Amino acid sequence: MQFEFIDYDGGYPNLCFGRLKFKADGKIYEEVVSLISGGSVWFDSHWCEHVEEGPWLDICDFYLFETYPELKEHKAEILKMINENVPHGCCGGCA
């Protein structure tokens, strides 16, 4: 399958949760996704906040893959498309 990114509406402070819209082999798919961030937020010994962005590591199996189970085998390709088009996350408290 060829994946073409159309839109993602997740944003601060919940960039990891939003509606993803993309096209695959001529069909448009649209569903909520919950993403696992490779970034983190932490505090040093002086209580200074450090925010580190990182690529999206995974797509939670609910929502998108419940609605479109045929896409489950293409999870890695969809995640690659997301990482190429959605700003990388910096959270770490939700996952």
N, C-alpha and C. Protein backbone atom coordinates (compact mmCIF):
# COMPACT_ATOMS: atom_id res chain seq x y z
N MET A 1 0.84 -1.19 0.00
CA MET A 1 0.00 0.00 0.00
C MET A 1 0.88 1.25 0.00
N GLN A 2 0.42 2.26 -0.69
CA GLN A 2 1.08 3.56 -0.69
C GLN A 2 0.27 4.50 0.20
N PHE A 3 0.93 5.14 1.16
CA PHE A 3 0.26 6.02 2.11
C PHE A 3 0.57 7.47 1.81
N GLU A 4 -0.49 8.29 1.79
CA GLU A 4 -0.36 9.72 1.53
C GLU A 4 -1.03 10.49 2.67
N PHE A 5 -0.23 11.23 3.42
CA PHE A 5 -0.72 12.02 4.54
C PHE A 5 -1.63 13.14 4.04
N ILE A 6 -2.75 13.35 4.75
CA ILE A 6 -3.66 14.45 4.43
C ILE A 6 -3.70 15.45 5.58
N ASP A 7 -4.00 14.98 6.80
CA ASP A 7 -4.16 15.91 7.91
C ASP A 7 -4.07 15.19 9.24
N TYR A 8 -3.68 15.94 10.27
CA TYR A 8 -3.70 15.48 11.66
C TYR A 8 -4.05 16.68 12.51
N ASP A 9 -5.05 16.55 13.40
CA ASP A 9 -5.50 17.72 14.16
C ASP A 9 -5.06 17.73 15.62
N GLY A 10 -4.21 16.79 16.04
CA GLY A 10 -3.70 16.82 17.40
C GLY A 10 -2.80 18.03 17.59
N GLY A 11 -2.80 18.61 18.79
CA GLY A 11 -1.98 19.78 19.06
C GLY A 11 -1.72 19.94 20.55
N TYR A 12 -0.84 20.86 20.87
CA TYR A 12 -0.50 21.13 22.26
C TYR A 12 -1.75 21.40 23.07
N PRO A 13 -1.90 20.89 24.26
CA PRO A 13 -0.93 20.09 25.00
C PRO A 13 -1.10 18.59 24.81
N ASN A 14 -1.94 18.17 23.87
CA ASN A 14 -2.17 16.75 23.62
C ASN A 14 -1.84 16.40 22.18
N LEU A 15 -0.63 16.68 21.77
CA LEU A 15 -0.21 16.39 20.40
C LEU A 15 -0.32 14.90 20.08
N CYS A 16 -0.24 14.07 21.08
CA CYS A 16 -0.26 12.62 20.88
C CYS A 16 -1.65 12.07 20.58
N PHE A 17 -2.68 12.88 20.63
CA PHE A 17 -4.05 12.40 20.43
C PHE A 17 -4.77 13.31 19.44
N GLY A 18 -5.19 12.74 18.32
CA GLY A 18 -5.89 13.55 17.33
C GLY A 18 -6.46 12.70 16.22
N ARG A 19 -7.15 13.36 15.32
CA ARG A 19 -7.76 12.69 14.18
C ARG A 19 -6.77 12.71 13.02
N LEU A 20 -6.43 11.52 12.55
CA LEU A 20 -5.51 11.35 11.42
C LEU A 20 -6.32 11.07 10.16
N LYS A 21 -5.95 11.74 9.09
CA LYS A 21 -6.61 11.53 7.80
C LYS A 21 -5.51 11.28 6.77
N PHE A 22 -5.65 10.18 6.03
CA PHE A 22 -4.67 9.84 5.01
C PHE A 22 -5.32 9.02 3.92
N LYS A 23 -4.60 8.89 2.82
CA LYS A 23 -5.09 8.11 1.69
C LYS A 23 -4.16 6.92 1.49
N ALA A 24 -4.74 5.78 1.19
CA ALA A 24 -3.98 4.57 0.90
C ALA A 24 -4.63 3.87 -0.28
N ASP A 25 -3.86 3.72 -1.33
CA ASP A 25 -4.34 3.08 -2.55
C ASP A 25 -5.69 3.62 -3.01
N GLY A 26 -5.82 4.94 -2.99
CA GLY A 26 -7.02 5.59 -3.50
C GLY A 26 -8.16 5.73 -2.51
N LYS A 27 -8.08 5.10 -1.34
CA LYS A 27 -9.14 5.17 -0.34
C LYS A 27 -8.73 6.12 0.78
N ILE A 28 -9.66 6.96 1.22
CA ILE A 28 -9.38 7.88 2.32
C ILE A 28 -9.77 7.23 3.64
N TYR A 29 -8.84 7.28 4.60
CA TYR A 29 -9.05 6.77 5.94
C TYR A 29 -9.01 7.96 6.90
N GLU A 30 -9.90 7.94 7.88
CA GLU A 30 -9.93 9.00 8.88
C GLU A 30 -10.39 8.42 10.21
N GLU A 31 -9.56 8.60 11.23
CA GLU A 31 -9.90 8.07 12.55
C GLU A 31 -8.97 8.70 13.59
N VAL A 32 -9.41 8.67 14.83
CA VAL A 32 -8.60 9.14 15.95
C VAL A 32 -7.44 8.18 16.14
N VAL A 33 -6.27 8.73 16.48
CA VAL A 33 -5.12 7.90 16.85
C VAL A 33 -4.56 8.40 18.17
N SER A 34 -3.97 7.50 18.89
CA SER A 34 -3.26 7.82 20.12
C SER A 34 -1.82 7.35 19.91
N LEU A 35 -0.89 8.30 19.98
CA LEU A 35 0.51 8.03 19.66
C LEU A 35 1.36 7.97 20.92
N ILE A 36 2.40 7.14 20.89
CA ILE A 36 3.36 7.04 21.98
C ILE A 36 4.61 7.83 21.58
N SER A 37 4.96 8.82 22.38
CA SER A 37 6.07 9.72 22.07
C SER A 37 7.41 9.14 22.51
N GLY A 38 8.43 9.46 21.73
CA GLY A 38 9.80 9.12 22.12
C GLY A 38 10.45 10.24 22.90
N GLY A 39 9.74 11.33 23.09
CA GLY A 39 10.25 12.45 23.86
C GLY A 39 9.90 12.32 25.32
N SER A 40 10.38 13.27 26.11
CA SER A 40 10.08 13.23 27.54
C SER A 40 10.17 14.62 28.15
N VAL A 41 9.62 14.74 29.33
CA VAL A 41 9.74 15.95 30.13
C VAL A 41 10.26 15.49 31.48
N TRP A 42 11.30 16.17 31.96
CA TRP A 42 11.86 15.79 33.26
C TRP A 42 12.43 17.03 33.96
N PHE A 43 12.69 16.89 35.25
CA PHE A 43 13.21 17.97 36.06
C PHE A 43 14.57 17.59 36.63
N ASP A 44 15.49 18.53 36.59
CA ASP A 44 16.82 18.25 37.15
C ASP A 44 16.82 18.51 38.66
N SER A 45 17.97 18.41 39.26
CA SER A 45 18.07 18.55 40.72
C SER A 45 17.74 19.96 41.21
N HIS A 46 17.72 20.93 40.29
CA HIS A 46 17.35 22.30 40.65
C HIS A 46 15.90 22.61 40.27
N TRP A 47 15.15 21.60 39.93
CA TRP A 47 13.75 21.68 39.54
C TRP A 47 13.53 22.50 38.26
N CYS A 48 14.55 22.49 37.40
CA CYS A 48 14.41 23.11 36.09
C CYS A 48 13.84 22.08 35.12
N GLU A 49 12.84 22.49 34.39
CA GLU A 49 12.17 21.58 33.46
C GLU A 49 13.01 21.40 32.19
N HIS A 50 13.08 20.17 31.72
CA HIS A 50 13.76 19.84 30.46
C HIS A 50 12.76 19.13 29.57
N VAL A 51 12.58 19.66 28.37
CA VAL A 51 11.63 19.11 27.41
C VAL A 51 12.43 18.56 26.23
N GLU A 52 12.26 17.28 25.96
CA GLU A 52 12.98 16.63 24.88
C GLU A 52 11.98 16.05 23.89
N GLU A 53 12.03 16.52 22.65
CA GLU A 53 11.16 15.97 21.62
C GLU A 53 11.78 14.70 21.06
N GLY A 54 10.93 13.80 20.63
CA GLY A 54 11.40 12.56 20.03
C GLY A 54 10.39 12.05 19.04
N PRO A 55 10.82 11.19 18.14
CA PRO A 55 9.89 10.65 17.14
C PRO A 55 8.80 9.81 17.80
N TRP A 56 7.72 9.65 17.09
CA TRP A 56 6.63 8.81 17.56
C TRP A 56 7.08 7.36 17.49
N LEU A 57 6.91 6.64 18.60
CA LEU A 57 7.40 5.27 18.70
C LEU A 57 6.36 4.22 18.35
N ASP A 58 5.09 4.55 18.56
CA ASP A 58 4.05 3.54 18.34
C ASP A 58 2.69 4.22 18.18
N ILE A 59 1.77 3.47 17.61
CA ILE A 59 0.36 3.87 17.50
C ILE A 59 -0.41 2.88 18.36
N CYS A 60 -1.17 3.38 19.31
CA CYS A 60 -1.98 2.48 20.14
C CYS A 60 -2.95 1.71 19.25
N ASP A 61 -3.24 0.48 19.63
CA ASP A 61 -4.03 -0.41 18.78
C ASP A 61 -5.52 -0.09 18.72
N PHE A 62 -6.02 0.70 19.66
CA PHE A 62 -7.45 1.03 19.60
C PHE A 62 -7.70 2.16 18.61
N TYR A 63 -8.92 2.48 18.38
CA TYR A 63 -9.39 3.49 17.42
C TYR A 63 -9.08 3.10 15.97
N LEU A 64 -7.96 3.53 15.43
CA LEU A 64 -7.66 3.33 14.01
C LEU A 64 -7.74 1.86 13.61
N PHE A 65 -7.10 0.99 14.37
CA PHE A 65 -7.03 -0.42 13.97
C PHE A 65 -8.28 -1.21 14.36
N GLU A 66 -9.10 -0.66 15.25
CA GLU A 66 -10.40 -1.27 15.50
C GLU A 66 -11.36 -0.94 14.36
N THR A 67 -11.29 0.29 13.88
CA THR A 67 -12.15 0.72 12.78
C THR A 67 -11.72 0.10 11.45
N TYR A 68 -10.42 0.03 11.24
CA TYR A 68 -9.86 -0.50 9.99
C TYR A 68 -8.86 -1.61 10.28
N PRO A 69 -9.33 -2.81 10.66
CA PRO A 69 -8.41 -3.89 11.03
C PRO A 69 -7.46 -4.28 9.90
N GLU A 70 -7.84 -4.02 8.67
CA GLU A 70 -6.98 -4.35 7.53
C GLU A 70 -5.69 -3.51 7.50
N LEU A 71 -5.67 -2.43 8.26
CA LEU A 71 -4.48 -1.57 8.30
C LEU A 71 -3.44 -2.04 9.32
N LYS A 72 -3.82 -2.93 10.22
CA LYS A 72 -2.92 -3.37 11.31
C LYS A 72 -1.59 -3.89 10.77
N GLU A 73 -1.62 -4.63 9.67
CA GLU A 73 -0.38 -5.18 9.11
C GLU A 73 0.52 -4.10 8.51
N HIS A 74 0.01 -2.89 8.36
CA HIS A 74 0.75 -1.78 7.80
C HIS A 74 1.12 -0.73 8.86
N LYS A 75 1.07 -1.14 10.11
CA LYS A 75 1.31 -0.21 11.22
C LYS A 75 2.66 0.50 11.09
N ALA A 76 3.71 -0.20 10.76
CA ALA A 76 5.05 0.40 10.64
C ALA A 76 5.07 1.46 9.54
N GLU A 77 4.41 1.20 8.44
CA GLU A 77 4.37 2.16 7.33
C GLU A 77 3.56 3.40 7.71
N ILE A 78 2.47 3.20 8.44
CA ILE A 78 1.64 4.33 8.88
C ILE A 78 2.41 5.17 9.89
N LEU A 79 3.13 4.51 10.79
CA LEU A 79 3.94 5.23 11.77
C LEU A 79 5.03 6.04 11.08
N LYS A 80 5.64 5.50 10.05
CA LYS A 80 6.65 6.23 9.27
C LYS A 80 6.03 7.48 8.64
N MET A 81 4.83 7.33 8.08
CA MET A 81 4.13 8.47 7.48
C MET A 81 3.84 9.54 8.54
N ILE A 82 3.42 9.12 9.72
CA ILE A 82 3.14 10.05 10.81
C ILE A 82 4.41 10.80 11.20
N ASN A 83 5.51 10.08 11.38
CA ASN A 83 6.76 10.71 11.78
C ASN A 83 7.28 11.70 10.74
N GLU A 84 6.95 11.49 9.49
CA GLU A 84 7.38 12.40 8.42
C GLU A 84 6.50 13.64 8.32
N ASN A 85 5.32 13.62 8.95
CA ASN A 85 4.36 14.70 8.76
C ASN A 85 3.81 15.36 10.02
N VAL A 86 3.97 14.73 11.15
CA VAL A 86 3.44 15.27 12.41
C VAL A 86 4.63 15.68 13.29
N PRO A 87 4.61 16.89 13.85
CA PRO A 87 5.72 17.30 14.71
C PRO A 87 5.97 16.26 15.80
N HIS A 88 7.23 16.04 16.11
CA HIS A 88 7.57 15.05 17.14
C HIS A 88 7.13 15.51 18.51
N GLY A 89 6.76 14.55 19.34
CA GLY A 89 6.22 14.85 20.66
C GLY A 89 7.28 15.04 21.72
N CYS A 90 6.88 15.65 22.80
CA CYS A 90 7.80 15.90 23.90
C CYS A 90 7.25 15.41 25.23
N CYS A 91 6.10 14.76 25.20
CA CYS A 91 5.49 14.36 26.45
C CYS A 91 6.11 13.07 26.97
N GLY A 92 5.58 12.57 28.00
CA GLY A 92 6.05 11.33 28.60
C GLY A 92 5.19 10.95 29.78
N GLY A 93 4.31 11.85 30.17
CA GLY A 93 3.48 11.60 31.34
C GLY A 93 2.24 10.79 31.07
N CYS A 94 1.80 10.72 29.82
CA CYS A 94 0.53 10.04 29.51
C CYS A 94 0.72 8.56 29.21
N ALA A 95 1.85 8.18 28.63
CA ALA A 95 2.01 6.83 28.10
C ALA A 95 2.29 5.79 29.14
